Amino acid sequence: MIVIVGHARIKPEAREAAIAAATEMQRLSSAEDGCQEYGFWFAVDDPDAMLLFERWDDLAALERHRLEPHFAEFGSRIGEFVAGPVEMLRYSAEPGEF
């Protein structure tokens, strides 16, 4: 399984636009083959801190996702609502008991 974790600061004046774009990205990405989970969250103590969490069956599914038109569109619009760099981390994970 491949896990993606992303973090960004959202411009306060663009929060509603960010939520709308994230909602559409989540809807479309969640429907893709190989997507186990795809979501955006805001921190309870900081309404401008947004987290992205994705789980994919494998690297091939993630690579197909990156070729989707909605991926390109979201990427071209992200500058409208983020303040600063977007941090993205990719992990390989195994399900298990903790």
PDB file of N, CA and C in Angstrom:
ATOM      1  N   MET A   1       0.851  -1.169   0.000  1.00  0.00           N
ATOM      2  CA  MET A   1       0.000   0.000   0.000  1.00  0.00           C
ATOM      3  C   MET A   1       0.900   1.235   0.000  1.00  0.00           C
ATOM      4  N   ILE A   2       0.468   2.261  -0.704  1.00  0.00           N
ATOM      5  CA  ILE A   2       1.168   3.540  -0.745  1.00  0.00           C
ATOM      6  C   ILE A   2       0.319   4.565  -0.007  1.00  0.00           C
ATOM      7  N   VAL A   3       0.959   5.321   0.891  1.00  0.00           N
ATOM      8  CA  VAL A   3       0.287   6.359   1.668  1.00  0.00           C
ATOM      9  C   VAL A   3       0.937   7.695   1.331  1.00  0.00           C
ATOM     10  N   ILE A   4       0.106   8.664   1.047  1.00  0.00           N
ATOM     11  CA  ILE A   4       0.563  10.035   0.794  1.00  0.00           C
ATOM     12  C   ILE A   4       0.004  10.919   1.898  1.00  0.00           C
ATOM     13  N   VAL A   5       0.874  11.748   2.477  1.00  0.00           N
ATOM     14  CA  VAL A   5       0.457  12.722   3.474  1.00  0.00           C
ATOM     15  C   VAL A   5       0.949  14.075   2.992  1.00  0.00           C
ATOM     16  N   GLY A   6       0.037  15.021   2.918  1.00  0.00           N
ATOM     17  CA  GLY A   6       0.398  16.363   2.491  1.00  0.00           C
ATOM     18  C   GLY A   6      -0.058  17.385   3.508  1.00  0.00           C
ATOM     19  N   HIS A   7       0.666  18.484   3.593  1.00  0.00           N
ATOM     20  CA  HIS A   7       0.323  19.570   4.515  1.00  0.00           C
ATOM     21  C   HIS A   7       0.538  20.891   3.803  1.00  0.00           C
ATOM     22  N   ALA A   8      -0.416  21.795   3.971  1.00  0.00           N
ATOM     23  CA  ALA A   8      -0.301  23.129   3.382  1.00  0.00           C
ATOM     24  C   ALA A   8      -0.984  24.147   4.279  1.00  0.00           C
ATOM     25  N   ARG A   9      -0.530  25.378   4.189  1.00  0.00           N
ATOM     26  CA  ARG A   9      -1.204  26.492   4.850  1.00  0.00           C
ATOM     27  C   ARG A   9      -2.103  27.144   3.805  1.00  0.00           C
ATOM     28  N   ILE A  10      -3.328  27.396   4.171  1.00  0.00           N
ATOM     29  CA  ILE A  10      -4.313  27.988   3.272  1.00  0.00           C
ATOM     30  C   ILE A  10      -4.431  29.486   3.543  1.00  0.00           C
ATOM     31  N   LYS A  11      -4.510  30.267   2.486  1.00  0.00           N
ATOM     32  CA  LYS A  11      -4.758  31.704   2.641  1.00  0.00           C
ATOM     33  C   LYS A  11      -6.148  31.869   3.240  1.00  0.00           C
ATOM     34  N   PRO A  12      -6.270  32.605   4.343  1.00  0.00           N
ATOM     35  CA  PRO A  12      -7.587  32.736   4.994  1.00  0.00           C
ATOM     36  C   PRO A  12      -8.684  33.234   4.045  1.00  0.00           C
ATOM     37  N   GLU A  13      -8.348  34.143   3.157  1.00  0.00           N
ATOM     38  CA  GLU A  13      -9.349  34.702   2.243  1.00  0.00           C
ATOM     39  C   GLU A  13      -9.739  33.714   1.141  1.00  0.00           C
ATOM     40  N   ALA A  14      -8.980  32.645   0.976  1.00  0.00           N
ATOM     41  CA  ALA A  14      -9.262  31.665  -0.070  1.00  0.00           C
ATOM     42  C   ALA A  14      -9.741  30.334   0.510  1.00  0.00           C
ATOM     43  N   ARG A  15     -10.108  30.313   1.793  1.00  0.00           N
ATOM     44  CA  ARG A  15     -10.479  29.063   2.447  1.00  0.00           C
ATOM     45  C   ARG A  15     -11.672  28.384   1.769  1.00  0.00           C
ATOM     46  N   GLU A  16     -12.694  29.136   1.439  1.00  0.00           N
ATOM     47  CA  GLU A  16     -13.882  28.547   0.799  1.00  0.00           C
ATOM     48  C   GLU A  16     -13.555  27.989  -0.585  1.00  0.00           C
ATOM     49  N   ALA A  17     -12.715  28.682  -1.331  1.00  0.00           N
ATOM     50  CA  ALA A  17     -12.291  28.172  -2.650  1.00  0.00           C
ATOM     51  C   ALA A  17     -11.465  26.896  -2.485  1.00  0.00           C
ATOM     52  N   ALA A  18     -10.622  26.860  -1.463  1.00  0.00           N
ATOM     53  CA  ALA A  18      -9.816  25.663  -1.195  1.00  0.00           C
ATOM     54  C   ALA A  18     -10.709  24.480  -0.841  1.00  0.00           C
ATOM     55  N   ILE A  19     -11.715  24.715  -0.022  1.00  0.00           N
ATOM     56  CA  ILE A  19     -12.639  23.647   0.364  1.00  0.00           C
ATOM     57  C   ILE A  19     -13.400  23.129  -0.855  1.00  0.00           C
ATOM     58  N   ALA A  20     -13.858  24.031  -1.709  1.00  0.00           N
ATOM     59  CA  ALA A  20     -14.592  23.612  -2.915  1.00  0.00           C
ATOM     60  C   ALA A  20     -13.699  22.782  -3.835  1.00  0.00           C
ATOM     61  N   ALA A  21     -12.466  23.233  -4.059  1.00  0.00           N
ATOM     62  CA  ALA A  21     -11.551  22.495  -4.931  1.00  0.00           C
ATOM     63  C   ALA A  21     -11.174  21.147  -4.316  1.00  0.00           C
ATOM     64  N   ALA A  22     -10.943  21.126  -3.012  1.00  0.00           N
ATOM     65  CA  ALA A  22     -10.584  19.881  -2.326  1.00  0.00           C
ATOM     66  C   ALA A  22     -11.743  18.888  -2.350  1.00  0.00           C
ATOM     67  N   THR A  23     -12.959  19.379  -2.191  1.00  0.00           N
ATOM     68  CA  THR A  23     -14.141  18.513  -2.221  1.00  0.00           C
ATOM     69  C   THR A  23     -14.278  17.830  -3.572  1.00  0.00           C
ATOM     70  N   GLU A  24     -14.084  18.580  -4.640  1.00  0.00           N
ATOM     71  CA  GLU A  24     -14.168  18.001  -5.984  1.00  0.00           C
ATOM     72  C   GLU A  24     -13.015  17.024  -6.233  1.00  0.00           C
ATOM     73  N   MET A  25     -11.819  17.395  -5.798  1.00  0.00           N
ATOM     74  CA  MET A  25     -10.671  16.505  -5.960  1.00  0.00           C
ATOM     75  C   MET A  25     -10.895  15.207  -5.190  1.00  0.00           C
ATOM     76  N   GLN A  26     -11.413  15.304  -3.997  1.00  0.00           N
ATOM     77  CA  GLN A  26     -11.693  14.115  -3.190  1.00  0.00           C
ATOM     78  C   GLN A  26     -12.740  13.233  -3.858  1.00  0.00           C
ATOM     79  N   ARG A  27     -13.797  13.830  -4.372  1.00  0.00           N
ATOM     80  CA  ARG A  27     -14.865  13.070  -5.021  1.00  0.00           C
ATOM     81  C   ARG A  27     -14.337  12.293  -6.222  1.00  0.00           C
ATOM     82  N   LEU A  28     -13.592  12.956  -7.077  1.00  0.00           N
ATOM     83  CA  LEU A  28     -13.085  12.320  -8.292  1.00  0.00           C
ATOM     84  C   LEU A  28     -11.985  11.293  -7.990  1.00  0.00           C
ATOM     85  N   SER A  29     -11.091  11.631  -7.105  1.00  0.00           N
ATOM     86  CA  SER A  29      -9.981  10.725  -6.788  1.00  0.00           C
ATOM     87  C   SER A  29     -10.458   9.476  -6.073  1.00  0.00           C
ATOM     88  N   SER A  30     -11.416   9.612  -5.190  1.00  0.00           N
ATOM     89  CA  SER A  30     -11.938   8.465  -4.444  1.00  0.00           C
ATOM     90  C   SER A  30     -12.575   7.420  -5.362  1.00  0.00           C
ATOM     91  N   ALA A  31     -13.032   7.853  -6.531  1.00  0.00           N
ATOM     92  CA  ALA A  31     -13.684   6.943  -7.476  1.00  0.00           C
ATOM     93  C   ALA A  31     -12.685   6.193  -8.369  1.00  0.00           C
ATOM     94  N   GLU A  32     -11.421   6.533  -8.282  1.00  0.00           N
ATOM     95  CA  GLU A  32     -10.416   5.894  -9.140  1.00  0.00           C
ATOM     96  C   GLU A  32     -10.115   4.475  -8.678  1.00  0.00           C
ATOM     97  N   ASP A  33      -9.810   3.611  -9.662  1.00  0.00           N
ATOM     98  CA  ASP A  33      -9.365   2.249  -9.345  1.00  0.00           C
ATOM     99  C   ASP A  33      -8.078   2.320  -8.537  1.00  0.00           C
ATOM    100  N   GLY A  34      -8.024   1.565  -7.458  1.00  0.00           N
ATOM    101  CA  GLY A  34      -6.828   1.505  -6.632  1.00  0.00           C
ATOM    102  C   GLY A  34      -6.782   2.509  -5.506  1.00  0.00           C
ATOM    103  N   CYS A  35      -7.768   3.406  -5.446  1.00  0.00           N
ATOM    104  CA  CYS A  35      -7.813   4.381  -4.355  1.00  0.00           C
ATOM    105  C   CYS A  35      -8.567   3.768  -3.181  1.00  0.00           C
ATOM    106  N   GLN A  36      -7.900   3.658  -2.050  1.00  0.00           N
ATOM    107  CA  GLN A  36      -8.518   3.140  -0.831  1.00  0.00           C
ATOM    108  C   GLN A  36      -9.105   4.260   0.026  1.00  0.00           C
ATOM    109  N   GLU A  37      -8.459   5.421   0.001  1.00  0.00           N
ATOM    110  CA  GLU A  37      -8.919   6.560   0.803  1.00  0.00           C
ATOM    111  C   GLU A  37      -8.295   7.825   0.245  1.00  0.00           C
ATOM    112  N   TYR A  38      -9.068   8.897   0.254  1.00  0.00           N
ATOM    113  CA  TYR A  38      -8.574  10.173  -0.250  1.00  0.00           C
ATOM    114  C   TYR A  38      -9.348  11.262   0.462  1.00  0.00           C
ATOM    115  N   GLY A  39      -8.677  12.073   1.250  1.00  0.00           N
ATOM    116  CA  GLY A  39      -9.417  13.099   1.976  1.00  0.00           C
ATOM    117  C   GLY A  39      -8.554  14.268   2.396  1.00  0.00           C
ATOM    118  N   PHE A  40      -9.231  15.359   2.681  1.00  0.00           N
ATOM    119  CA  PHE A  40      -8.616  16.593   3.176  1.00  0.00           C
ATOM    120  C   PHE A  40      -9.225  16.909   4.534  1.00  0.00           C
ATOM    121  N   TRP A  41      -8.410  17.437   5.439  1.00  0.00           N
ATOM    122  CA  TRP A  41      -8.879  17.842   6.762  1.00  0.00           C
ATOM    123  C   TRP A  41      -8.226  19.160   7.142  1.00  0.00           C
ATOM    124  N   PHE A  42      -8.905  19.890   8.031  1.00  0.00           N
ATOM    125  CA  PHE A  42      -8.348  21.108   8.609  1.00  0.00           C
ATOM    126  C   PHE A  42      -8.093  20.870  10.090  1.00  0.00           C
ATOM    127  N   ALA A  43      -7.009  21.431  10.606  1.00  0.00           N
ATOM    128  CA  ALA A  43      -6.654  21.259  12.008  1.00  0.00           C
ATOM    129  C   ALA A  43      -7.686  21.962  12.898  1.00  0.00           C
ATOM    130  N   VAL A  44      -8.040  21.339  14.015  1.00  0.00           N
ATOM    131  CA  VAL A  44      -9.034  21.933  14.908  1.00  0.00           C
ATOM    132  C   VAL A  44      -8.495  23.180  15.598  1.00  0.00           C
ATOM    133  N   ASP A  45      -7.190  23.279  15.757  1.00  0.00           N
ATOM    134  CA  ASP A  45      -6.614  24.443  16.428  1.00  0.00           C
ATOM    135  C   ASP A  45      -6.053  25.486  15.459  1.00  0.00           C
ATOM    136  N   ASP A  46      -6.162  25.225  14.147  1.00  0.00           N
ATOM    137  CA  ASP A  46      -5.630  26.153  13.149  1.00  0.00           C
ATOM    138  C   ASP A  46      -6.424  25.980  11.852  1.00  0.00           C
ATOM    139  N   PRO A  47      -7.429  26.814  11.615  1.00  0.00           N
ATOM    140  CA  PRO A  47      -8.287  26.652  10.436  1.00  0.00           C
ATOM    141  C   PRO A  47      -7.572  26.858   9.102  1.00  0.00           C
ATOM    142  N   ASP A  48      -6.327  27.325   9.141  1.00  0.00           N
ATOM    143  CA  ASP A  48      -5.578  27.533   7.902  1.00  0.00           C
ATOM    144  C   ASP A  48      -4.578  26.409   7.616  1.00  0.00           C
ATOM    145  N   ALA A  49      -4.522  25.395   8.479  1.00  0.00           N
ATOM    146  CA  ALA A  49      -3.635  24.250   8.264  1.00  0.00           C
ATOM    147  C   ALA A  49      -4.461  23.113   7.670  1.00  0.00           C
ATOM    148  N   MET A  50      -4.148  22.720   6.441  1.00  0.00           N
ATOM    149  CA  MET A  50      -4.888  21.673   5.751  1.00  0.00           C
ATOM    150  C   MET A  50      -4.000  20.442   5.581  1.00  0.00           C
ATOM    151  N   LEU A  51      -4.585  19.276   5.812  1.00  0.00           N
ATOM    152  CA  LEU A  51      -3.896  18.000   5.664  1.00  0.00           C
ATOM    153  C   LEU A  51      -4.557  17.207   4.549  1.00  0.00           C
ATOM    154  N   LEU A  52      -3.740  16.562   3.731  1.00  0.00           N
ATOM    155  CA  LEU A  52      -4.203  15.626   2.701  1.00  0.00           C
ATOM    156  C   LEU A  52      -3.722  14.238   3.102  1.00  0.00           C
ATOM    157  N   PHE A  53      -4.617  13.252   3.018  1.00  0.00           N
ATOM    158  CA  PHE A  53      -4.254  11.870   3.320  1.00  0.00           C
ATOM    159  C   PHE A  53      -4.802  10.989   2.215  1.00  0.00           C
ATOM    160  N   GLU A  54      -3.915  10.197   1.596  1.00  0.00           N
ATOM    161  CA  GLU A  54      -4.292   9.290   0.510  1.00  0.00           C
ATOM    162  C   GLU A  54      -3.763   7.897   0.813  1.00  0.00           C
ATOM    163  N   ARG A  55      -4.542   6.870   0.442  1.00  0.00           N
ATOM    164  CA  ARG A  55      -4.076   5.473   0.483  1.00  0.00           C
ATOM    165  C   ARG A  55      -4.383   4.839  -0.860  1.00  0.00           C
ATOM    166  N   TRP A  56      -3.362   4.228  -1.469  1.00  0.00           N
ATOM    167  CA  TRP A  56      -3.472   3.600  -2.783  1.00  0.00           C
ATOM    168  C   TRP A  56      -3.055   2.147  -2.685  1.00  0.00           C
ATOM    169  N   ASP A  57      -3.646   1.305  -3.523  1.00  0.00           N
ATOM    170  CA  ASP A  57      -3.292  -0.116  -3.536  1.00  0.00           C
ATOM    171  C   ASP A  57      -1.801  -0.327  -3.777  1.00  0.00           C
ATOM    172  N   ASP A  58      -1.262   0.438  -4.732  1.00  0.00           N
ATOM    173  CA  ASP A  58       0.147   0.261  -5.101  1.00  0.00           C
ATOM    174  C   ASP A  58       0.615   1.494  -5.863  1.00  0.00           C
ATOM    175  N   LEU A  59       1.895   1.494  -6.197  1.00  0.00           N
ATOM    176  CA  LEU A  59       2.486   2.620  -6.900  1.00  0.00           C
ATOM    177  C   LEU A  59       1.868   2.821  -8.284  1.00  0.00           C
ATOM    178  N   ALA A  60       1.484   1.753  -8.942  1.00  0.00           N
ATOM    179  CA  ALA A  60       0.861   1.871 -10.269  1.00  0.00           C
ATOM    180  C   ALA A  60      -0.448   2.653 -10.187  1.00  0.00           C
ATOM    181  N   ALA A  61      -1.241   2.410  -9.154  1.00  0.00           N
ATOM    182  CA  ALA A  61      -2.501   3.150  -8.982  1.00  0.00           C
ATOM    183  C   ALA A  61      -2.225   4.626  -8.752  1.00  0.00           C
ATOM    184  N   LEU A  62      -1.223   4.931  -7.932  1.00  0.00           N
ATOM    185  CA  LEU A  62      -0.854   6.331  -7.689  1.00  0.00           C
ATOM    186  C   LEU A  62      -0.371   6.989  -8.969  1.00  0.00           C
ATOM    187  N   GLU A  63       0.406   6.299  -9.755  1.00  0.00           N
ATOM    188  CA  GLU A  63       0.900   6.860 -11.015  1.00  0.00           C
ATOM    189  C   GLU A  63      -0.241   7.111 -12.003  1.00  0.00           C
ATOM    190  N   ARG A  64      -1.236   6.228 -12.044  1.00  0.00           N
ATOM    191  CA  ARG A  64      -2.417   6.465 -12.901  1.00  0.00           C
ATOM    192  C   ARG A  64      -3.166   7.713 -12.412  1.00  0.00           C
ATOM    193  N   HIS A  65      -3.268   7.871 -11.110  1.00  0.00           N
ATOM    194  CA  HIS A  65      -3.935   9.044 -10.530  1.00  0.00           C
ATOM    195  C   HIS A  65      -3.276  10.332 -11.016  1.00  0.00           C
ATOM    196  N   ARG A  66      -1.966  10.338 -11.055  1.00  0.00           N
ATOM    197  CA  ARG A  66      -1.236  11.542 -11.465  1.00  0.00           C
ATOM    198  C   ARG A  66      -1.440  11.888 -12.932  1.00  0.00           C
ATOM    199  N   LEU A  67      -1.985  10.970 -13.719  1.00  0.00           N
ATOM    200  CA  LEU A  67      -2.266  11.228 -15.132  1.00  0.00           C
ATOM    201  C   LEU A  67      -3.700  11.699 -15.372  1.00  0.00           C
ATOM    202  N   GLU A  68      -4.515  11.699 -14.336  1.00  0.00           N
ATOM    203  CA  GLU A  68      -5.918  12.091 -14.475  1.00  0.00           C
ATOM    204  C   GLU A  68      -6.051  13.602 -14.709  1.00  0.00           C
ATOM    205  N   PRO A  69      -6.999  14.022 -15.534  1.00  0.00           N
ATOM    206  CA  PRO A  69      -7.200  15.453 -15.782  1.00  0.00           C
ATOM    207  C   PRO A  69      -7.487  16.251 -14.507  1.00  0.00           C
ATOM    208  N   HIS A  70      -8.237  15.675 -13.569  1.00  0.00           N
ATOM    209  CA  HIS A  70      -8.549  16.430 -12.340  1.00  0.00           C
ATOM    210  C   HIS A  70      -7.302  16.635 -11.480  1.00  0.00           C
ATOM    211  N   PHE A  71      -6.327  15.750 -11.577  1.00  0.00           N
ATOM    212  CA  PHE A  71      -5.063  15.941 -10.857  1.00  0.00           C
ATOM    213  C   PHE A  71      -4.343  17.176 -11.408  1.00  0.00           C
ATOM    214  N   ALA A  72      -4.262  17.271 -12.729  1.00  0.00           N
ATOM    215  CA  ALA A  72      -3.604  18.418 -13.370  1.00  0.00           C
ATOM    216  C   ALA A  72      -4.343  19.714 -13.070  1.00  0.00           C
ATOM    217  N   GLU A  73      -5.667  19.669 -13.119  1.00  0.00           N
ATOM    218  CA  GLU A  73      -6.438  20.885 -12.851  1.00  0.00           C
ATOM    219  C   GLU A  73      -6.247  21.361 -11.418  1.00  0.00           C
ATOM    220  N   PHE A  74      -6.324  20.433 -10.467  1.00  0.00           N
ATOM    221  CA  PHE A  74      -6.131  20.803  -9.064  1.00  0.00           C
ATOM    222  C   PHE A  74      -4.730  21.385  -8.858  1.00  0.00           C
ATOM    223  N   GLY A  75      -3.735  20.757  -9.461  1.00  0.00           N
ATOM    224  CA  GLY A  75      -2.372  21.252  -9.343  1.00  0.00           C
ATOM    225  C   GLY A  75      -2.187  22.645  -9.927  1.00  0.00           C
ATOM    226  N   SER A  76      -2.891  22.937 -11.009  1.00  0.00           N
ATOM    227  CA  SER A  76      -2.774  24.263 -11.624  1.00  0.00           C
ATOM    228  C   SER A  76      -3.475  25.344 -10.802  1.00  0.00           C
ATOM    229  N   ARG A  77      -4.414  24.944  -9.943  1.00  0.00           N
ATOM    230  CA  ARG A  77      -5.171  25.918  -9.145  1.00  0.00           C
ATOM    231  C   ARG A  77      -4.654  26.077  -7.719  1.00  0.00           C
ATOM    232  N   ILE A  78      -3.805  25.186  -7.259  1.00  0.00           N
ATOM    233  CA  ILE A  78      -3.429  25.182  -5.847  1.00  0.00           C
ATOM    234  C   ILE A  78      -2.784  26.502  -5.402  1.00  0.00           C
ATOM    235  N   GLY A  79      -2.083  27.162  -6.307  1.00  0.00           N
ATOM    236  CA  GLY A  79      -1.470  28.448  -5.984  1.00  0.00           C
ATOM    237  C   GLY A  79      -2.470  29.531  -5.621  1.00  0.00           C
ATOM    238  N   GLU A  80      -3.724  29.356  -6.028  1.00  0.00           N
ATOM    239  CA  GLU A  80      -4.760  30.336  -5.692  1.00  0.00           C
ATOM    240  C   GLU A  80      -5.065  30.349  -4.207  1.00  0.00           C
ATOM    241  N   PHE A  81      -4.881  29.207  -3.532  1.00  0.00           N
ATOM    242  CA  PHE A  81      -5.302  29.166  -2.137  1.00  0.00           C
ATOM    243  C   PHE A  81      -4.259  28.716  -1.129  1.00  0.00           C
ATOM    244  N   VAL A  82      -3.081  28.318  -1.546  1.00  0.00           N
ATOM    245  CA  VAL A  82      -2.067  27.970  -0.551  1.00  0.00           C
ATOM    246  C   VAL A  82      -1.136  29.149  -0.289  1.00  0.00           C
ATOM    247  N   ALA A  83      -0.693  29.230   0.959  1.00  0.00           N
ATOM    248  CA  ALA A  83       0.251  30.275   1.379  1.00  0.00           C
ATOM    249  C   ALA A  83       1.560  29.576   1.708  1.00  0.00           C
ATOM    250  N   GLY A  84       2.477  29.554   0.777  1.00  0.00           N
ATOM    251  CA  GLY A  84       3.755  28.898   1.011  1.00  0.00           C
ATOM    252  C   GLY A  84       3.826  27.527   0.372  1.00  0.00           C
ATOM    253  N   PRO A  85       4.887  26.802   0.680  1.00  0.00           N
ATOM    254  CA  PRO A  85       5.104  25.488   0.054  1.00  0.00           C
ATOM    255  C   PRO A  85       4.127  24.438   0.568  1.00  0.00           C
ATOM    256  N   VAL A  86       3.892  23.439  -0.268  1.00  0.00           N
ATOM    257  CA  VAL A  86       3.091  22.278   0.098  1.00  0.00           C
ATOM    258  C   VAL A  86       4.066  21.143   0.399  1.00  0.00           C
ATOM    259  N   GLU A  87       3.944  20.562   1.572  1.00  0.00           N
ATOM    260  CA  GLU A  87       4.802  19.435   1.940  1.00  0.00           C
ATOM    261  C   GLU A  87       4.068  18.139   1.611  1.00  0.00           C
ATOM    262  N   MET A  88       4.721  17.271   0.841  1.00  0.00           N
ATOM    263  CA  MET A  88       4.136  15.984   0.467  1.00  0.00           C
ATOM    264  C   MET A  88       5.125  14.889   0.826  1.00  0.00           C
ATOM    265  N   LEU A  89       4.627  13.854   1.503  1.00  0.00           N
ATOM    266  CA  LEU A  89       5.442  12.707   1.873  1.00  0.00           C
ATOM    267  C   LEU A  89       4.784  11.435   1.351  1.00  0.00           C
ATOM    268  N   ARG A  90       5.595  10.499   0.853  1.00  0.00           N
ATOM    269  CA  ARG A  90       5.089   9.224   0.354  1.00  0.00           C
ATOM    270  C   ARG A  90       5.706   8.108   1.185  1.00  0.00           C
ATOM    271  N   TYR A  91       4.822   7.172   1.595  1.00  0.00           N
ATOM    272  CA  TYR A  91       5.256   6.039   2.406  1.00  0.00           C
ATOM    273  C   TYR A  91       4.784   4.747   1.765  1.00  0.00           C
ATOM    274  N   SER A  92       5.550   3.688   1.927  1.00  0.00           N
ATOM    275  CA  SER A  92       5.095   2.341   1.639  1.00  0.00           C
ATOM    276  C   SER A  92       4.672   1.757   2.976  1.00  0.00           C
ATOM    277  N   ALA A  93       3.489   1.153   3.027  1.00  0.00           N
ATOM    278  CA  ALA A  93       2.966   0.683   4.302  1.00  0.00           C
ATOM    279  C   ALA A  93       2.423  -0.725   4.164  1.00  0.00           C
ATOM    280  N   GLU A  94       2.449  -1.432   5.255  1.00  0.00           N
ATOM    281  CA  GLU A  94       1.881  -2.773   5.359  1.00  0.00           C
ATOM    282  C   GLU A  94       0.784  -2.729   6.404  1.00  0.00           C
ATOM    283  N   PRO A  95      -0.386  -3.290   6.128  1.00  0.00           N
ATOM    284  CA  PRO A  95      -1.421  -3.348   7.165  1.00  0.00           C
ATOM    285  C   PRO A  95      -0.930  -4.244   8.306  1.00  0.00           C
ATOM    286  N   GLY A  96      -1.338  -3.903   9.507  1.00  0.00           N
ATOM    287  CA  GLY A  96      -0.936  -4.717  10.646  1.00  0.00           C
ATOM    288  C   GLY A  96      -1.562  -4.255  11.933  1.00  0.00           C
ATOM    289  N   GLU A  97      -1.357  -5.020  12.943  1.00  0.00           N
ATOM    290  CA  GLU A  97      -1.832  -4.703  14.290  1.00  0.00           C
ATOM    291  C   GLU A  97      -0.781  -3.838  14.989  1.00  0.00           C
ATOM    292  N   PHE A  98      -1.235  -2.880  15.763  1.00  0.00           N
ATOM    293  CA  PHE A  98      -0.315  -2.041  16.533  1.00  0.00           C
ATOM    294  C   PHE A  98      -0.665  -2.070  17.989  1.00  0.00           C
TER     295      PHE A  98
END
